[in-house]
Protein backbone atom coordinates (compact mmCIF):
# COMPACT_ATOMS: atom_id res chain seq x y z
CA UNK A 1 -4.34 -18.54 5.76
CA UNK A 2 -5.27 -15.39 8.03
CA UNK A 3 -2.77 -16.39 10.73
CA UNK A 4 0.08 -16.65 8.03
CA UNK A 5 -1.02 -13.12 6.82
CA UNK A 6 -0.96 -11.89 10.46
CA UNK A 7 2.49 -13.17 11.02
CA UNK A 8 3.75 -11.60 7.76
CA UNK A 9 2.04 -8.26 8.50
CA UNK A 10 3.54 -8.11 12.03
CA UNK A 11 7.19 -7.63 10.85
CA UNK A 12 5.96 -5.18 8.09
CA UNK A 13 4.18 -3.02 10.67
CA UNK A 14 7.19 -3.06 13.13
CA UNK A 15 9.56 -2.14 10.46
CA UNK A 16 7.17 0.79 9.47
CA UNK A 17 7.08 1.92 12.97
CA UNK A 18 10.77 1.88 13.59
CA UNK A 19 11.51 3.65 10.33
CA UNK A 20 8.99 6.36 11.16
CA UNK A 21 10.56 6.86 14.62
CA UNK A 22 13.97 7.05 13.03
CA UNK A 23 12.60 9.58 10.52
CA UNK A 24 11.28 11.71 13.18
CA UNK A 25 14.61 12.28 15.01
CA UNK A 26 15.76 15.24 12.90
CA UNK A 27 12.43 16.18 11.10
CA UNK A 28 9.14 17.64 12.05
CA UNK A 29 6.00 15.44 12.40
CA UNK A 30 4.20 17.20 9.48
CA UNK A 31 7.01 16.63 7.09
CA UNK A 32 7.31 13.03 7.85
CA UNK A 33 3.53 12.47 7.65
CA UNK A 34 3.37 14.33 4.37
CA UNK A 35 6.01 11.99 2.70
CA UNK A 36 4.50 8.89 4.28
CA UNK A 37 1.11 9.90 2.95
CA UNK A 38 2.63 10.47 -0.58
CA UNK A 39 4.72 7.22 -0.69
CA UNK A 40 1.44 5.28 0.31
CA UNK A 41 -0.59 6.99 -2.30
CA UNK A 42 1.98 6.30 -4.94
CA UNK A 43 2.18 2.68 -4.00
CA UNK A 44 -1.80 2.21 -4.05
CA UNK A 45 -2.30 4.04 -7.14
CA UNK A 46 -0.29 1.57 -9.23
CA UNK A 47 -2.67 -1.16 -8.76
CA UNK A 48 -5.66 1.35 -9.03
CA UNK A 49 -4.41 2.69 -12.20
CA UNK A 50 -3.56 -0.96 -13.55
CA UNK A 51 -7.28 -2.07 -12.80
CA UNK A 52 -8.57 1.15 -14.56
CA UNK A 53 -6.34 1.21 -17.71
CA UNK A 54 -5.33 -2.60 -18.02
CA UNK A 55 -8.12 -4.79 -16.40
CA UNK A 56 -6.90 -7.90 -17.90
CA UNK A 57 -3.70 -7.60 -15.70
CA UNK A 58 -5.66 -7.45 -12.47
CA UNK A 59 -8.64 -9.82 -13.57
CA UNK A 60 -7.48 -12.70 -11.39
CA UNK A 61 -6.34 -10.80 -8.15
CA UNK A 62 -8.13 -9.36 -5.37
CA UNK A 63 -8.38 -5.85 -6.84
CA UNK A 64 -11.75 -4.82 -8.36
CA UNK A 65 -11.51 -3.71 -12.05
CA UNK A 66 -13.51 -0.71 -13.28
CA UNK A 67 -14.17 -2.31 -16.75
CA UNK A 68 -17.05 -4.57 -17.66
CA UNK A 69 -18.22 -6.97 -14.92
CA UNK A 70 -16.45 -10.44 -15.12
CA UNK A 71 -18.64 -13.42 -15.84
């Protein structure tokens, strides 16, 4: 299971690194880092907000819900 996840994450990290280097060609580091942080915060806020306001949606997933504890 973990080896499969490692093989999946390797190309994703490679694509992230290549796209970050391409983005840095004509832009400053601060701009690229700011946009990168905002995009990742948006992506991670979706499951966080779902677990907060719709805990039944994330009940069977790896995300911890903020609602009542599951039996």
